N, C-alpha and C. Protein backbone atom coordinates (compact mmCIF):
# COMPACT_ATOMS: atom_id res chain seq x y z
N UNK A 1 -7.62 6.76 11.18
CA UNK A 1 -6.34 6.72 11.30
C UNK A 1 -5.49 5.96 9.87
N UNK A 2 -4.67 7.26 9.52
CA UNK A 2 -3.83 6.65 8.33
C UNK A 2 -2.74 5.43 8.62
N UNK A 3 -2.59 5.21 7.39
CA UNK A 3 -1.19 4.31 7.58
C UNK A 3 -0.11 4.70 6.73
N UNK A 4 0.98 4.71 7.07
CA UNK A 4 2.23 5.65 6.38
C UNK A 4 2.78 4.27 5.97
N UNK A 5 3.71 4.64 4.89
CA UNK A 5 4.60 4.16 4.43
C UNK A 5 5.98 4.41 4.43
N UNK A 6 7.11 3.42 5.20
CA UNK A 6 8.35 4.05 5.12
C UNK A 6 9.29 3.43 4.94
N UNK A 7 10.81 3.96 4.61
CA UNK A 7 11.85 2.93 4.49
C UNK A 7 12.92 3.65 5.23
N UNK A 8 13.52 2.97 5.75
CA UNK A 8 14.61 3.11 6.97
C UNK A 8 16.10 3.84 6.13
N UNK A 9 16.49 4.83 7.02
CA UNK A 9 17.35 5.38 6.09
C UNK A 9 18.99 4.82 6.53
N UNK A 10 18.83 3.93 7.62
CA UNK A 10 19.72 3.23 7.88
C UNK A 10 20.26 1.99 7.39
N UNK A 11 18.80 1.11 7.34
CA UNK A 11 19.28 -0.57 6.77
C UNK A 11 18.54 -0.78 5.32
N UNK A 12 17.32 -0.03 5.07
CA UNK A 12 16.77 0.33 3.59
C UNK A 12 15.53 -0.52 3.88
N UNK A 13 14.89 -1.19 5.27
CA UNK A 13 13.70 -1.89 5.32
C UNK A 13 12.48 -0.94 4.99
N UNK A 14 11.65 -1.61 4.71
CA UNK A 14 10.61 -0.85 4.04
C UNK A 14 9.19 -1.49 4.93
N UNK A 15 8.43 -0.61 5.41
CA UNK A 15 7.42 -0.88 6.42
C UNK A 15 6.63 0.11 6.45
N UNK A 16 4.70 -0.15 7.06
CA UNK A 16 3.83 0.63 7.55
C UNK A 16 3.63 0.63 8.68
N UNK A 17 3.32 2.03 9.07
CA UNK A 17 2.47 2.17 10.35
C UNK A 17 1.41 2.82 10.69
N UNK A 18 0.42 2.51 11.46
CA UNK A 18 -0.73 3.32 11.48
C UNK A 18 -0.31 4.24 12.79
N UNK A 19 -0.61 5.45 12.32
CA UNK A 19 -0.12 6.85 12.84
C UNK A 19 -1.37 7.45 13.74
N UNK A 20 -1.46 7.22 14.85
CA UNK A 20 -2.68 7.62 15.78
C UNK A 20 -2.46 8.95 15.91
N UNK A 21 -1.42 9.24 16.02
CA UNK A 21 -1.08 10.94 16.18
C UNK A 21 0.28 11.33 15.65
N UNK A 22 0.37 12.80 16.19
CA UNK A 22 1.73 13.31 15.88
C UNK A 22 2.65 12.95 16.77
N UNK A 23 2.54 12.28 17.86
CA UNK A 23 3.40 12.04 19.12
C UNK A 23 3.66 10.50 18.85
N UNK A 24 3.21 9.98 17.83
CA UNK A 24 3.46 8.26 17.81
C UNK A 24 5.10 7.90 17.27
N UNK A 25 5.75 7.54 17.89
CA UNK A 25 6.99 7.14 17.86
C UNK A 25 7.31 6.14 16.51
N UNK A 26 7.92 6.38 15.61
CA UNK A 26 8.14 5.30 14.40
C UNK A 26 9.81 4.50 14.36
N UNK A 27 9.54 3.61 14.45
CA UNK A 27 11.01 3.17 14.38
C UNK A 27 10.81 1.56 13.81
N UNK A 28 12.40 1.45 13.00
CA UNK A 28 12.56 0.23 11.95
C UNK A 28 12.16 -0.88 12.82
N UNK A 29 11.52 -1.70 12.10
CA UNK A 29 11.17 -3.40 12.93
C UNK A 29 12.60 -3.95 12.64
N UNK A 30 13.31 -3.72 11.94
CA UNK A 30 14.51 -4.29 11.58
C UNK A 30 16.01 -4.15 12.51
N UNK A 31 16.05 -2.41 12.21
CA UNK A 31 17.18 -1.72 13.23
C UNK A 31 17.01 -1.22 14.36
N UNK A 32 15.55 -1.05 14.62
CA UNK A 32 15.16 0.05 15.58
C UNK A 32 15.87 1.25 15.23
N UNK A 33 16.03 1.78 14.10
CA UNK A 33 16.71 3.18 13.94
C UNK A 33 15.11 4.07 13.95
N UNK A 34 15.34 5.11 14.21
CA UNK A 34 14.26 5.99 14.36
C UNK A 34 14.72 7.26 12.94
N UNK A 35 15.46 6.98 12.24
CA UNK A 35 15.88 7.70 11.07
C UNK A 35 14.92 6.71 9.81
N UNK A 36 14.30 7.54 9.31
CA UNK A 36 13.30 7.03 8.05
C UNK A 36 12.75 8.04 7.69
N UNK A 37 12.40 7.69 6.04
CA UNK A 37 12.01 8.78 4.98
C UNK A 37 10.60 8.21 4.64
N UNK A 38 9.54 9.32 4.80
CA UNK A 38 8.11 8.65 4.51
C UNK A 38 8.01 8.78 2.88
N UNK A 39 7.29 7.29 2.42
CA UNK A 39 7.30 7.03 1.23
C UNK A 39 5.98 7.75 0.48
N UNK A 40 5.58 7.73 -0.75
CA UNK A 40 4.64 8.27 -1.35
C UNK A 40 3.85 6.82 -1.45
N UNK A 41 2.64 6.78 -1.07
CA UNK A 41 1.69 5.62 -1.29
C UNK A 41 0.81 5.66 -2.70
N UNK A 42 1.26 4.21 -3.03
CA UNK A 42 0.44 3.91 -4.24
C UNK A 42 -0.83 3.22 -4.01
N UNK A 43 -1.82 3.46 -4.68
CA UNK A 43 -3.14 2.90 -4.37
C UNK A 43 -3.73 2.43 -5.68
N UNK A 44 -4.35 1.45 -5.86
CA UNK A 44 -5.19 1.02 -6.92
C UNK A 44 -6.67 1.43 -6.78
N UNK A 45 -7.30 2.41 -7.47
CA UNK A 45 -8.96 2.58 -7.23
C UNK A 45 -9.63 1.48 -8.03
N UNK A 46 -10.79 1.33 -7.30
CA UNK A 46 -11.68 0.22 -7.76
C UNK A 46 -12.15 -0.13 -9.43
N UNK A 47 -12.28 1.43 -9.88
CA UNK A 47 -12.38 1.64 -11.26
C UNK A 47 -13.08 3.27 -11.52
N UNK A 48 -13.18 3.62 -12.69
CA UNK A 48 -13.34 4.91 -12.49
C UNK A 48 -14.84 4.73 -14.12
N UNK A 49 -15.36 3.76 -14.12
CA UNK A 49 -16.22 3.41 -15.41
C UNK A 49 -15.82 3.62 -16.72
N UNK A 50 -14.55 3.19 -17.00
CA UNK A 50 -14.40 3.45 -18.13
C UNK A 50 -13.93 2.07 -18.58
N UNK A 51 -14.15 1.10 -19.85
CA UNK A 51 -14.29 0.30 -19.93
C UNK A 51 -12.59 0.05 -20.98
N UNK A 52 -12.25 -0.74 -20.91
CA UNK A 52 -10.79 -1.07 -21.97
C UNK A 52 -11.13 -1.54 -23.23
N UNK A 53 -10.24 -1.02 -24.14
CA UNK A 53 -10.50 -1.50 -25.19
C UNK A 53 -10.45 -2.89 -25.84
N UNK A 54 -9.81 -3.76 -24.80
CA UNK A 54 -9.73 -5.10 -25.28
C UNK A 54 -11.14 -5.80 -24.92
N UNK A 55 -12.17 -5.23 -23.83
CA UNK A 55 -13.14 -5.86 -23.95
C UNK A 55 -13.41 -6.62 -22.70
N UNK A 56 -12.25 -6.89 -21.82
CA UNK A 56 -12.17 -7.35 -20.66
C UNK A 56 -11.80 -6.60 -19.56
N UNK A 57 -12.27 -6.67 -18.31
CA UNK A 57 -11.50 -5.70 -17.02
C UNK A 57 -10.68 -6.41 -16.33
N UNK A 58 -9.90 -5.60 -15.48
CA UNK A 58 -8.90 -6.38 -14.74
C UNK A 58 -9.64 -6.86 -13.83
N UNK A 59 -11.12 -7.09 -13.20
CA UNK A 59 -11.50 -8.38 -12.58
C UNK A 59 -11.52 -9.69 -13.50
N UNK A 60 -11.39 -9.74 -14.44
CA UNK A 60 -11.74 -10.99 -15.18
C UNK A 60 -10.02 -11.52 -15.27
N UNK A 61 -9.39 -10.59 -15.19
CA UNK A 61 -7.86 -11.35 -15.57
C UNK A 61 -7.07 -11.52 -13.81
N UNK A 62 -6.00 -12.19 -13.85
CA UNK A 62 -5.42 -12.46 -12.54
C UNK A 62 -4.91 -10.92 -12.01
N UNK A 63 -4.68 -10.53 -10.97
CA UNK A 63 -4.38 -9.39 -10.59
C UNK A 63 -5.13 -8.44 -10.72
N UNK A 64 -4.54 -7.09 -10.01
CA UNK A 64 -5.59 -6.19 -9.74
C UNK A 64 -7.03 -6.24 -9.04
N UNK A 65 -8.14 -5.37 -8.79
CA UNK A 65 -8.74 -5.53 -7.87
C UNK A 65 -9.56 -6.94 -8.20
N UNK A 66 -10.01 -7.35 -7.04
CA UNK A 66 -11.34 -8.60 -7.19
C UNK A 66 -10.68 -9.86 -8.09
N UNK A 67 -9.27 -9.70 -8.35
CA UNK A 67 -8.40 -10.76 -9.49
C UNK A 67 -7.54 -11.59 -8.35
N UNK A 68 -8.00 -11.52 -6.83
CA UNK A 68 -7.24 -12.11 -6.31
C UNK A 68 -6.15 -11.52 -5.43
N UNK A 69 -5.65 -10.60 -5.85
CA UNK A 69 -4.25 -9.71 -5.36
C UNK A 69 -4.78 -8.88 -3.99
N UNK A 70 -5.92 -8.44 -4.43
CA UNK A 70 -6.22 -7.46 -3.24
C UNK A 70 -6.89 -7.78 -1.96
N UNK A 71 -7.22 -8.97 -1.99
CA UNK A 71 -8.13 -9.91 -1.09
C UNK A 71 -9.74 -9.98 -0.82
N UNK A 72 -9.93 -9.11 -1.54
CA UNK A 72 -11.53 -8.98 -1.56
C UNK A 72 -12.30 -10.04 -2.68
N UNK A 73 -13.47 -10.34 -2.21
CA UNK A 73 -13.86 -11.24 -2.74
C UNK A 73 -14.70 -11.09 -4.00
N UNK A 74 -15.14 -11.24 -5.12
CA UNK A 74 -15.41 -11.08 -6.23
C UNK A 74 -17.01 -11.79 -6.33
N UNK A 75 -17.24 -12.56 -5.12
CA UNK A 75 -18.54 -13.45 -5.31
C UNK A 75 -19.79 -12.73 -4.76
């Protein structure tokens, strides 16, 4: 079940929805408008095996995957 990101064409609210099938009705949670634009999703891969030139990985700093921002546990 894909999660799609939308922006409301009427009020500008950004929201996500799980879309079960093509008959799923999508409405804005703020203004209930059915007018929306599907947004391009941005995601962060866990890594590609390439080390950075600084010698530290995203996991050792703040943010990034396993840096606390993604919600996963690095323990």
